Amino acid sequence: MTSLSAYREQWFGNIRGDLLSGLVVALALIPEAIAFSIIAGVDPKVGLYASFSIAVIVAITGGRPGMISAATAATAVLMVTLVREHGLQYLLAATVLAGLIQIGAGL
């Protein structure tokens, strides 16, 4: 089996199941994103955009089975002070920095 056909099987082997699971996760993620953005003290639209961005990035770069890529209550609680004291711009900078640290640790 060549690498191209292996990738084709991995990406397109179960389109119906992948679309159905993506729809279920998207519907479950909407109230979670809104709730966590309210906890973090930001506009709920910010939480929805961030959740959508995370889902698209993970879908493109390739996640792993059982991997959860979404906001959590623990991170939302930590962000409250950052947003309140420094504003939303620092939240974006902290998120990008955390991602770069994770990429560096992965390498």
PDB file of N, CA and C in Angstrom:
ATOM      1  N   MET A   1       0.848  -1.178   0.000  1.00  0.00           N
ATOM      2  CA  MET A   1       0.000   0.000   0.000  1.00  0.00           C
ATOM      3  C   MET A   1       0.892   1.239   0.000  1.00  0.00           C
ATOM      4  N   THR A   2       0.737   2.090  -0.982  1.00  0.00           N
ATOM      5  CA  THR A   2       1.553   3.292  -1.055  1.00  0.00           C
ATOM      6  C   THR A   2       1.094   4.319  -0.026  1.00  0.00           C
ATOM      7  N   SER A   3       1.959   5.278   0.209  1.00  0.00           N
ATOM      8  CA  SER A   3       1.621   6.287   1.217  1.00  0.00           C
ATOM      9  C   SER A   3       0.436   7.135   0.782  1.00  0.00           C
ATOM     10  N   LEU A   4       0.278   7.376  -0.529  1.00  0.00           N
ATOM     11  CA  LEU A   4      -0.860   8.156  -1.008  1.00  0.00           C
ATOM     12  C   LEU A   4      -2.173   7.428  -0.759  1.00  0.00           C
ATOM     13  N   SER A   5      -2.208   6.150  -1.035  1.00  0.00           N
ATOM     14  CA  SER A   5      -3.443   5.402  -0.782  1.00  0.00           C
ATOM     15  C   SER A   5      -3.693   5.230   0.716  1.00  0.00           C
ATOM     16  N   ALA A   6      -2.627   5.195   1.509  1.00  0.00           N
ATOM     17  CA  ALA A   6      -2.807   5.129   2.961  1.00  0.00           C
ATOM     18  C   ALA A   6      -3.422   6.422   3.480  1.00  0.00           C
ATOM     19  N   TYR A   7      -2.942   7.553   2.965  1.00  0.00           N
ATOM     20  CA  TYR A   7      -3.534   8.827   3.354  1.00  0.00           C
ATOM     21  C   TYR A   7      -4.982   8.934   2.887  1.00  0.00           C
ATOM     22  N   ARG A   8      -5.251   8.473   1.672  1.00  0.00           N
ATOM     23  CA  ARG A   8      -6.617   8.514   1.149  1.00  0.00           C
ATOM     24  C   ARG A   8      -7.547   7.686   2.024  1.00  0.00           C
ATOM     25  N   GLU A   9      -7.101   6.525   2.444  1.00  0.00           N
ATOM     26  CA  GLU A   9      -7.912   5.672   3.319  1.00  0.00           C
ATOM     27  C   GLU A   9      -8.113   6.323   4.683  1.00  0.00           C
ATOM     28  N   GLN A  10      -7.082   6.956   5.200  1.00  0.00           N
ATOM     29  CA  GLN A  10      -7.178   7.601   6.506  1.00  0.00           C
ATOM     30  C   GLN A  10      -8.125   8.797   6.465  1.00  0.00           C
ATOM     31  N   TRP A  11      -8.039   9.613   5.412  1.00  0.00           N
ATOM     32  CA  TRP A  11      -8.839  10.835   5.339  1.00  0.00           C
ATOM     33  C   TRP A  11     -10.252  10.592   4.821  1.00  0.00           C
ATOM     34  N   PHE A  12     -10.428   9.642   3.909  1.00  0.00           N
ATOM     35  CA  PHE A  12     -11.733   9.457   3.261  1.00  0.00           C
ATOM     36  C   PHE A  12     -12.320   8.074   3.482  1.00  0.00           C
ATOM     37  N   GLY A  13     -11.773   7.295   4.403  1.00  0.00           N
ATOM     38  CA  GLY A  13     -12.230   5.928   4.627  1.00  0.00           C
ATOM     39  C   GLY A  13     -13.606   5.828   5.247  1.00  0.00           C
ATOM     40  N   ASN A  14     -13.998   6.809   6.046  1.00  0.00           N
ATOM     41  CA  ASN A  14     -15.282   6.750   6.743  1.00  0.00           C
ATOM     42  C   ASN A  14     -15.920   8.136   6.755  1.00  0.00           C
ATOM     43  N   ILE A  15     -16.239   8.646   5.574  1.00  0.00           N
ATOM     44  CA  ILE A  15     -16.759  10.009   5.465  1.00  0.00           C
ATOM     45  C   ILE A  15     -18.077  10.165   6.209  1.00  0.00           C
ATOM     46  N   ARG A  16     -18.979   9.209   6.071  1.00  0.00           N
ATOM     47  CA  ARG A  16     -20.284   9.315   6.735  1.00  0.00           C
ATOM     48  C   ARG A  16     -20.124   9.381   8.253  1.00  0.00           C
ATOM     49  N   GLY A  17     -19.322   8.510   8.819  1.00  0.00           N
ATOM     50  CA  GLY A  17     -19.083   8.502  10.257  1.00  0.00           C
ATOM     51  C   GLY A  17     -18.379   9.754  10.732  1.00  0.00           C
ATOM     52  N   ASP A  18     -17.418  10.228   9.937  1.00  0.00           N
ATOM     53  CA  ASP A  18     -16.685  11.439  10.308  1.00  0.00           C
ATOM     54  C   ASP A  18     -17.599  12.665  10.300  1.00  0.00           C
ATOM     55  N   LEU A  19     -18.449  12.778   9.288  1.00  0.00           N
ATOM     56  CA  LEU A  19     -19.371  13.910   9.225  1.00  0.00           C
ATOM     57  C   LEU A  19     -20.392  13.869  10.361  1.00  0.00           C
ATOM     58  N   LEU A  20     -20.896  12.685  10.655  1.00  0.00           N
ATOM     59  CA  LEU A  20     -21.868  12.556  11.745  1.00  0.00           C
ATOM     60  C   LEU A  20     -21.225  12.884  13.092  1.00  0.00           C
ATOM     61  N   SER A  21     -20.031  12.382  13.330  1.00  0.00           N
ATOM     62  CA  SER A  21     -19.371  12.690  14.598  1.00  0.00           C
ATOM     63  C   SER A  21     -19.002  14.166  14.687  1.00  0.00           C
ATOM     64  N   GLY A  22     -18.611  14.768  13.585  1.00  0.00           N
ATOM     65  CA  GLY A  22     -18.317  16.193  13.583  1.00  0.00           C
ATOM     66  C   GLY A  22     -19.543  17.032  13.885  1.00  0.00           C
ATOM     67  N   LEU A  23     -20.698  16.629  13.350  1.00  0.00           N
ATOM     68  CA  LEU A  23     -21.939  17.349  13.617  1.00  0.00           C
ATOM     69  C   LEU A  23     -22.341  17.245  15.088  1.00  0.00           C
ATOM     70  N   VAL A  24     -22.217  16.056  15.656  1.00  0.00           N
ATOM     71  CA  VAL A  24     -22.559  15.856  17.066  1.00  0.00           C
ATOM     72  C   VAL A  24     -21.647  16.678  17.968  1.00  0.00           C
ATOM     73  N   VAL A  25     -20.366  16.668  17.675  1.00  0.00           N
ATOM     74  CA  VAL A  25     -19.417  17.438  18.484  1.00  0.00           C
ATOM     75  C   VAL A  25     -19.690  18.932  18.345  1.00  0.00           C
ATOM     76  N   ALA A  26     -19.995  19.390  17.137  1.00  0.00           N
ATOM     77  CA  ALA A  26     -20.275  20.812  16.925  1.00  0.00           C
ATOM     78  C   ALA A  26     -21.501  21.251  17.711  1.00  0.00           C
ATOM     79  N   LEU A  27     -22.543  20.433  17.699  1.00  0.00           N
ATOM     80  CA  LEU A  27     -23.751  20.796  18.442  1.00  0.00           C
ATOM     81  C   LEU A  27     -23.518  20.782  19.952  1.00  0.00           C
ATOM     82  N   ALA A  28     -22.695  19.872  20.418  1.00  0.00           N
ATOM     83  CA  ALA A  28     -22.391  19.823  21.853  1.00  0.00           C
ATOM     84  C   ALA A  28     -21.452  20.948  22.261  1.00  0.00           C
ATOM     85  N   LEU A  29     -20.647  21.432  21.339  1.00  0.00           N
ATOM     86  CA  LEU A  29     -19.645  22.443  21.649  1.00  0.00           C
ATOM     87  C   LEU A  29     -20.227  23.848  21.764  1.00  0.00           C
ATOM     88  N   ILE A  30     -21.362  24.115  21.142  1.00  0.00           N
ATOM     89  CA  ILE A  30     -21.940  25.465  21.153  1.00  0.00           C
ATOM     90  C   ILE A  30     -22.245  25.949  22.571  1.00  0.00           C
ATOM     91  N   PRO A  31     -23.039  25.217  23.368  1.00  0.00           N
ATOM     92  CA  PRO A  31     -23.297  25.726  24.723  1.00  0.00           C
ATOM     93  C   PRO A  31     -22.049  25.748  25.603  1.00  0.00           C
ATOM     94  N   GLU A  32     -21.146  24.809  25.375  1.00  0.00           N
ATOM     95  CA  GLU A  32     -19.901  24.778  26.148  1.00  0.00           C
ATOM     96  C   GLU A  32     -19.051  26.012  25.849  1.00  0.00           C
ATOM     97  N   ALA A  33     -18.937  26.376  24.582  1.00  0.00           N
ATOM     98  CA  ALA A  33     -18.144  27.546  24.206  1.00  0.00           C
ATOM     99  C   ALA A  33     -18.746  28.822  24.767  1.00  0.00           C
ATOM    100  N   ILE A  34     -20.052  28.929  24.726  1.00  0.00           N
ATOM    101  CA  ILE A  34     -20.714  30.114  25.270  1.00  0.00           C
ATOM    102  C   ILE A  34     -20.518  30.193  26.779  1.00  0.00           C
ATOM    103  N   ALA A  35     -20.700  29.078  27.467  1.00  0.00           N
ATOM    104  CA  ALA A  35     -20.553  29.072  28.927  1.00  0.00           C
ATOM    105  C   ALA A  35     -19.127  29.409  29.351  1.00  0.00           C
ATOM    106  N   PHE A  36     -18.140  28.818  28.713  1.00  0.00           N
ATOM    107  CA  PHE A  36     -16.759  29.076  29.101  1.00  0.00           C
ATOM    108  C   PHE A  36     -16.333  30.495  28.766  1.00  0.00           C
ATOM    109  N   SER A  37     -16.869  31.076  27.702  1.00  0.00           N
ATOM    110  CA  SER A  37     -16.524  32.461  27.391  1.00  0.00           C
ATOM    111  C   SER A  37     -17.136  33.410  28.413  1.00  0.00           C
ATOM    112  N   ILE A  38     -18.323  33.101  28.900  1.00  0.00           N
ATOM    113  CA  ILE A  38     -18.927  33.916  29.956  1.00  0.00           C
ATOM    114  C   ILE A  38     -18.104  33.803  31.237  1.00  0.00           C
ATOM    115  N   ILE A  39     -17.657  32.592  31.570  1.00  0.00           N
ATOM    116  CA  ILE A  39     -16.806  32.395  32.751  1.00  0.00           C
ATOM    117  C   ILE A  39     -15.508  33.184  32.613  1.00  0.00           C
ATOM    118  N   ALA A  40     -14.922  33.174  31.421  1.00  0.00           N
ATOM    119  CA  ALA A  40     -13.655  33.878  31.188  1.00  0.00           C
ATOM    120  C   ALA A  40     -13.832  35.388  31.110  1.00  0.00           C
ATOM    121  N   GLY A  41     -15.065  35.847  31.024  1.00  0.00           N
ATOM    122  CA  GLY A  41     -15.315  37.283  30.991  1.00  0.00           C
ATOM    123  C   GLY A  41     -15.176  37.902  29.624  1.00  0.00           C
ATOM    124  N   VAL A  42     -15.389  37.120  28.572  1.00  0.00           N
ATOM    125  CA  VAL A  42     -15.327  37.662  27.215  1.00  0.00           C
ATOM    126  C   VAL A  42     -16.690  37.490  26.548  1.00  0.00           C
ATOM    127  N   ASP A  43     -16.850  38.134  25.418  1.00  0.00           N
ATOM    128  CA  ASP A  43     -18.089  38.044  24.653  1.00  0.00           C
ATOM    129  C   ASP A  43     -18.303  36.599  24.181  1.00  0.00           C
ATOM    130  N   PRO A  44     -19.517  36.076  24.272  1.00  0.00           N
ATOM    131  CA  PRO A  44     -19.764  34.700  23.819  1.00  0.00           C
ATOM    132  C   PRO A  44     -19.388  34.446  22.362  1.00  0.00           C
ATOM    133  N   LYS A  45     -19.434  35.479  21.528  1.00  0.00           N
ATOM    134  CA  LYS A  45     -19.019  35.296  20.135  1.00  0.00           C
ATOM    135  C   LYS A  45     -17.540  34.920  20.049  1.00  0.00           C
ATOM    136  N   VAL A  46     -16.741  35.462  20.954  1.00  0.00           N
ATOM    137  CA  VAL A  46     -15.311  35.136  20.979  1.00  0.00           C
ATOM    138  C   VAL A  46     -15.126  33.644  21.253  1.00  0.00           C
ATOM    139  N   GLY A  47     -15.896  33.115  22.205  1.00  0.00           N
ATOM    140  CA  GLY A  47     -15.817  31.684  22.510  1.00  0.00           C
ATOM    141  C   GLY A  47     -16.234  30.816  21.341  1.00  0.00           C
ATOM    142  N   LEU A  48     -17.275  31.237  20.625  1.00  0.00           N
ATOM    143  CA  LEU A  48     -17.729  30.469  19.459  1.00  0.00           C
ATOM    144  C   LEU A  48     -16.692  30.497  18.343  1.00  0.00           C
ATOM    145  N   TYR A  49     -16.125  31.673  18.075  1.00  0.00           N
ATOM    146  CA  TYR A  49     -15.099  31.766  17.036  1.00  0.00           C
ATOM    147  C   TYR A  49     -13.864  30.945  17.409  1.00  0.00           C
ATOM    148  N   ALA A  50     -13.469  30.999  18.670  1.00  0.00           N
ATOM    149  CA  ALA A  50     -12.290  30.250  19.114  1.00  0.00           C
ATOM    150  C   ALA A  50     -12.531  28.747  19.006  1.00  0.00           C
ATOM    151  N   SER A  51     -13.704  28.289  19.408  1.00  0.00           N
ATOM    152  CA  SER A  51     -14.010  26.858  19.325  1.00  0.00           C
ATOM    153  C   SER A  51     -14.035  26.386  17.878  1.00  0.00           C
ATOM    154  N   PHE A  52     -14.605  27.205  16.997  1.00  0.00           N
ATOM    155  CA  PHE A  52     -14.629  26.853  15.579  1.00  0.00           C
ATOM    156  C   PHE A  52     -13.214  26.786  15.020  1.00  0.00           C
ATOM    157  N   SER A  53     -12.389  27.771  15.387  1.00  0.00           N
ATOM    158  CA  SER A  53     -11.010  27.792  14.897  1.00  0.00           C
ATOM    159  C   SER A  53     -10.221  26.577  15.370  1.00  0.00           C
ATOM    160  N   ILE A  54     -10.396  26.221  16.637  1.00  0.00           N
ATOM    161  CA  ILE A  54      -9.705  25.039  17.172  1.00  0.00           C
ATOM    162  C   ILE A  54     -10.122  23.793  16.403  1.00  0.00           C
ATOM    163  N   ALA A  55     -11.415  23.644  16.166  1.00  0.00           N
ATOM    164  CA  ALA A  55     -11.911  22.453  15.475  1.00  0.00           C
ATOM    165  C   ALA A  55     -11.379  22.365  14.051  1.00  0.00           C
ATOM    166  N   VAL A  56     -11.349  23.478  13.347  1.00  0.00           N
ATOM    167  CA  VAL A  56     -10.859  23.473  11.964  1.00  0.00           C
ATOM    168  C   VAL A  56      -9.365  23.188  11.919  1.00  0.00           C
ATOM    169  N   ILE A  57      -8.605  23.815  12.810  1.00  0.00           N
ATOM    170  CA  ILE A  57      -7.153  23.600  12.823  1.00  0.00           C
ATOM    171  C   ILE A  57      -6.818  22.152  13.134  1.00  0.00           C
ATOM    172  N   VAL A  58      -7.511  21.567  14.109  1.00  0.00           N
ATOM    173  CA  VAL A  58      -7.248  20.169  14.453  1.00  0.00           C
ATOM    174  C   VAL A  58      -7.670  19.244  13.319  1.00  0.00           C
ATOM    175  N   ALA A  59      -8.778  19.569  12.652  1.00  0.00           N
ATOM    176  CA  ALA A  59      -9.218  18.740  11.531  1.00  0.00           C
ATOM    177  C   ALA A  59      -8.217  18.770  10.381  1.00  0.00           C
ATOM    178  N   ILE A  60      -7.637  19.926  10.128  1.00  0.00           N
ATOM    179  CA  ILE A  60      -6.677  20.053   9.021  1.00  0.00           C
ATOM    180  C   ILE A  60      -5.340  19.419   9.377  1.00  0.00           C
ATOM    181  N   THR A  61      -4.849  19.685  10.577  1.00  0.00           N
ATOM    182  CA  THR A  61      -3.531  19.176  10.948  1.00  0.00           C
ATOM    183  C   THR A  61      -3.565  17.719  11.372  1.00  0.00           C
ATOM    184  N   GLY A  62      -4.728  17.206  11.675  1.00  0.00           N
ATOM    185  CA  GLY A  62      -4.852  15.792  12.010  1.00  0.00           C
ATOM    186  C   GLY A  62      -4.752  15.541  13.496  1.00  0.00           C
ATOM    187  N   GLY A  63      -5.854  15.240  14.089  1.00  0.00           N
ATOM    188  CA  GLY A  63      -5.868  14.900  15.503  1.00  0.00           C
ATOM    189  C   GLY A  63      -5.615  13.419  15.704  1.00  0.00           C
ATOM    190  N   ARG A  64      -5.837  12.971  16.881  1.00  0.00           N
ATOM    191  CA  ARG A  64      -5.666  11.556  17.224  1.00  0.00           C
ATOM    192  C   ARG A  64      -6.969  11.033  17.794  1.00  0.00           C
ATOM    193  N   PRO A  65      -7.234   9.741  17.649  1.00  0.00           N
ATOM    194  CA  PRO A  65      -8.451   9.178  18.230  1.00  0.00           C
ATOM    195  C   PRO A  65      -8.471   9.395  19.741  1.00  0.00           C
ATOM    196  N   GLY A  66      -9.573   9.889  20.229  1.00  0.00           N
ATOM    197  CA  GLY A  66      -9.716  10.126  21.657  1.00  0.00           C
ATOM    198  C   GLY A  66      -9.151  11.453  22.117  1.00  0.00           C
ATOM    199  N   MET A  67      -8.595  12.248  21.211  1.00  0.00           N
ATOM    200  CA  MET A  67      -8.032  13.539  21.584  1.00  0.00           C
ATOM    201  C   MET A  67      -9.150  14.567  21.691  1.00  0.00           C
ATOM    202  N   ILE A  68      -9.146  15.325  22.749  1.00  0.00           N
ATOM    203  CA  ILE A  68     -10.153  16.361  22.945  1.00  0.00           C
ATOM    204  C   ILE A  68      -9.506  17.707  22.675  1.00  0.00           C
ATOM    205  N   SER A  69     -10.069  18.452  21.753  1.00  0.00           N
ATOM    206  CA  SER A  69      -9.544  19.770  21.398  1.00  0.00           C
ATOM    207  C   SER A  69     -10.650  20.791  21.583  1.00  0.00           C
ATOM    208  N   ALA A  70     -10.753  21.307  22.772  1.00  0.00           N
ATOM    209  CA  ALA A  70     -11.778  22.297  23.079  1.00  0.00           C
ATOM    210  C   ALA A  70     -11.385  23.027  24.354  1.00  0.00           C
ATOM    211  N   ALA A  71     -12.140  24.059  24.651  1.00  0.00           N
ATOM    212  CA  ALA A  71     -11.896  24.791  25.890  1.00  0.00           C
ATOM    213  C   ALA A  71     -12.313  23.928  27.077  1.00  0.00           C
ATOM    214  N   THR A  72     -11.704  24.203  28.207  1.00  0.00           N
ATOM    215  CA  THR A  72     -12.068  23.487  29.426  1.00  0.00           C
ATOM    216  C   THR A  72     -12.364  24.499  30.522  1.00  0.00           C
ATOM    217  N   ALA A  73     -13.069  24.055  31.536  1.00  0.00           N
ATOM    218  CA  ALA A  73     -13.410  24.936  32.646  1.00  0.00           C
ATOM    219  C   ALA A  73     -12.154  25.422  33.362  1.00  0.00           C
ATOM    220  N   ALA A  74     -11.137  24.582  33.434  1.00  0.00           N
ATOM    221  CA  ALA A  74      -9.902  24.966  34.118  1.00  0.00           C
ATOM    222  C   ALA A  74      -9.227  26.138  33.412  1.00  0.00           C
ATOM    223  N   THR A  75      -9.170  26.114  32.102  1.00  0.00           N
ATOM    224  CA  THR A  75      -8.547  27.224  31.383  1.00  0.00           C
ATOM    225  C   THR A  75      -9.414  28.476  31.435  1.00  0.00           C
ATOM    226  N   ALA A  76     -10.727  28.302  31.413  1.00  0.00           N
ATOM    227  CA  ALA A  76     -11.625  29.463  31.478  1.00  0.00           C
ATOM    228  C   ALA A  76     -11.463  30.201  32.802  1.00  0.00           C
ATOM    229  N   VAL A  77     -11.327  29.457  33.883  1.00  0.00           N
ATOM    230  CA  VAL A  77     -11.161  30.085  35.199  1.00  0.00           C
ATOM    231  C   VAL A  77      -9.831  30.832  35.276  1.00  0.00           C
ATOM    232  N   LEU A  78      -8.786  30.281  34.667  1.00  0.00           N
ATOM    233  CA  LEU A  78      -7.479  30.951  34.678  1.00  0.00           C
ATOM    234  C   LEU A  78      -7.478  32.224  33.842  1.00  0.00           C
ATOM    235  N   MET A  79      -8.328  32.282  32.834  1.00  0.00           N
ATOM    236  CA  MET A  79      -8.335  33.427  31.935  1.00  0.00           C
ATOM    237  C   MET A  79      -9.072  34.635  32.500  1.00  0.00           C
ATOM    238  N   VAL A  80      -9.875  34.434  33.525  1.00  0.00           N
ATOM    239  CA  VAL A  80     -10.681  35.527  34.074  1.00  0.00           C
ATOM    240  C   VAL A  80      -9.788  36.688  34.506  1.00  0.00           C
ATOM    241  N   THR A  81      -8.779  36.408  35.283  1.00  0.00           N
ATOM    242  CA  THR A  81      -7.900  37.459  35.795  1.00  0.00           C
ATOM    243  C   THR A  81      -7.121  38.123  34.668  1.00  0.00           C
ATOM    244  N   LEU A  82      -6.650  37.341  33.728  1.00  0.00           N
ATOM    245  CA  LEU A  82      -5.887  37.889  32.604  1.00  0.00           C
ATOM    246  C   LEU A  82      -6.731  38.863  31.802  1.00  0.00           C
ATOM    247  N   VAL A  83      -7.954  38.483  31.482  1.00  0.00           N
ATOM    248  CA  VAL A  83      -8.829  39.352  30.688  1.00  0.00           C
ATOM    249  C   VAL A  83      -9.223  40.587  31.491  1.00  0.00           C
ATOM    250  N   ARG A  84      -9.535  40.402  32.750  1.00  0.00           N
ATOM    251  CA  ARG A  84      -9.974  41.534  33.578  1.00  0.00           C
ATOM    252  C   ARG A  84      -8.864  42.565  33.760  1.00  0.00           C
ATOM    253  N   GLU A  85      -7.643  42.113  33.986  1.00  0.00           N
ATOM    254  CA  GLU A  85      -6.556  43.045  34.279  1.00  0.00           C
ATOM    255  C   GLU A  85      -5.875  43.613  33.036  1.00  0.00           C
ATOM    256  N   HIS A  86      -5.808  42.829  31.952  1.00  0.00           N
ATOM    257  CA  HIS A  86      -5.023  43.260  30.792  1.00  0.00           C
ATOM    258  C   HIS A  86      -5.827  43.378  29.504  1.00  0.00           C
ATOM    259  N   GLY A  87      -6.999  42.807  29.430  1.00  0.00           N
ATOM    260  CA  GLY A  87      -7.807  42.896  28.219  1.00  0.00           C
ATOM    261  C   GLY A  87      -7.698  41.661  27.344  1.00  0.00           C
ATOM    262  N   LEU A  88      -8.514  41.663  26.318  1.00  0.00           N
ATOM    263  CA  LEU A  88      -8.621  40.506  25.424  1.00  0.00           C
ATOM    264  C   LEU A  88      -7.359  40.292  24.588  1.00  0.00           C
ATOM    265  N   GLN A  89      -6.605  41.362  24.312  1.00  0.00           N
ATOM    266  CA  GLN A  89      -5.396  41.228  23.509  1.00  0.00           C
ATOM    267  C   GLN A  89      -4.369  40.324  24.196  1.00  0.00           C
ATOM    268  N   TYR A  90      -4.261  40.431  25.505  1.00  0.00           N
ATOM    269  CA  TYR A  90      -3.306  39.592  26.230  1.00  0.00           C
ATOM    270  C   TYR A  90      -3.743  38.130  26.233  1.00  0.00           C
ATOM    271  N   LEU A  91      -5.048  37.898  26.184  1.00  0.00           N
ATOM    272  CA  LEU A  91      -5.536  36.521  26.096  1.00  0.00           C
ATOM    273  C   LEU A  91      -5.096  35.890  24.786  1.00  0.00           C
ATOM    274  N   LEU A  92      -5.184  36.641  23.704  1.00  0.00           N
ATOM    275  CA  LEU A  92      -4.723  36.134  22.412  1.00  0.00           C
ATOM    276  C   LEU A  92      -3.225  35.860  22.451  1.00  0.00           C
ATOM    277  N   ALA A  93      -2.462  36.785  23.003  1.00  0.00           N
ATOM    278  CA  ALA A  93      -1.015  36.593  23.084  1.00  0.00           C
ATOM    279  C   ALA A  93      -0.651  35.390  23.951  1.00  0.00           C
ATOM    280  N   ALA A  94      -1.353  35.216  25.073  1.00  0.00           N
ATOM    281  CA  ALA A  94      -1.083  34.071  25.951  1.00  0.00           C
ATOM    282  C   ALA A  94      -1.442  32.756  25.261  1.00  0.00           C
ATOM    283  N   THR A  95      -2.501  32.762  24.475  1.00  0.00           N
ATOM    284  CA  THR A  95      -2.911  31.552  23.759  1.00  0.00           C
ATOM    285  C   THR A  95      -1.888  31.172  22.695  1.00  0.00           C
ATOM    286  N   VAL A  96      -1.424  32.161  21.943  1.00  0.00           N
ATOM    287  CA  VAL A  96      -0.413  31.892  20.914  1.00  0.00           C
ATOM    288  C   VAL A  96       0.878  31.403  21.562  1.00  0.00           C
ATOM    289  N   LEU A  97       1.297  32.035  22.646  1.00  0.00           N
ATOM    290  CA  LEU A  97       2.512  31.613  23.345  1.00  0.00           C
ATOM    291  C   LEU A  97       2.382  30.190  23.877  1.00  0.00           C
ATOM    292  N   ALA A  98       1.217  29.847  24.441  1.00  0.00           N
ATOM    293  CA  ALA A  98       1.011  28.474  24.939  1.00  0.00           C
ATOM    294  C   ALA A  98       1.091  27.475  23.790  1.00  0.00           C
ATOM    295  N   GLY A  99       0.548  27.831  22.633  1.00  0.00           N
ATOM    296  CA  GLY A  99       0.640  26.947  21.469  1.00  0.00           C
ATOM    297  C   GLY A  99       2.061  26.753  21.000  1.00  0.00           C
ATOM    298  N   LEU A 100       2.837  27.828  20.987  1.00  0.00           N
ATOM    299  CA  LEU A 100       4.242  27.708  20.583  1.00  0.00           C
ATOM    300  C   LEU A 100       5.036  26.860  21.574  1.00  0.00           C
ATOM    301  N   ILE A 101       4.750  26.997  22.851  1.00  0.00           N
ATOM    302  CA  ILE A 101       5.424  26.162  23.851  1.00  0.00           C
ATOM    303  C   ILE A 101       5.070  24.692  23.651  1.00  0.00           C
ATOM    304  N   GLN A 102       3.808  24.413  23.351  1.00  0.00           N
ATOM    305  CA  GLN A 102       3.404  23.023  23.105  1.00  0.00           C
ATOM    306  C   GLN A 102       4.054  22.458  21.859  1.00  0.00           C
ATOM    307  N   ILE A 103       4.164  23.266  20.816  1.00  0.00           N
ATOM    308  CA  ILE A 103       4.838  22.810  19.600  1.00  0.00           C
ATOM    309  C   ILE A 103       6.310  22.530  19.890  1.00  0.00           C
ATOM    310  N   GLY A 104       6.940  23.433  20.631  1.00  0.00           N
ATOM    311  CA  GLY A 104       8.342  23.222  21.002  1.00  0.00           C
ATOM    312  C   GLY A 104       8.539  21.966  21.834  1.00  0.00           C
ATOM    313  N   ALA A 105       7.631  21.730  22.766  1.00  0.00           N
ATOM    314  CA  ALA A 105       7.726  20.517  23.593  1.00  0.00           C
ATOM    315  C   ALA A 105       7.511  19.269  22.745  1.00  0.00           C
ATOM    316  N   GLY A 106       6.642  19.382  21.766  1.00  0.00           N
ATOM    317  CA  GLY A 106       6.401  18.230  20.885  1.00  0.00           C
ATOM    318  C   GLY A 106       7.595  17.901  19.999  1.00  0.00           C
ATOM    319  N   LEU A 107       8.306  18.936  19.600  1.00  0.00           N
ATOM    320  CA  LEU A 107       9.494  18.704  18.757  1.00  0.00           C
ATOM    321  C   LEU A 107      10.619  18.104  19.580  1.00  0.00           C
TER     322      LEU A 107
END
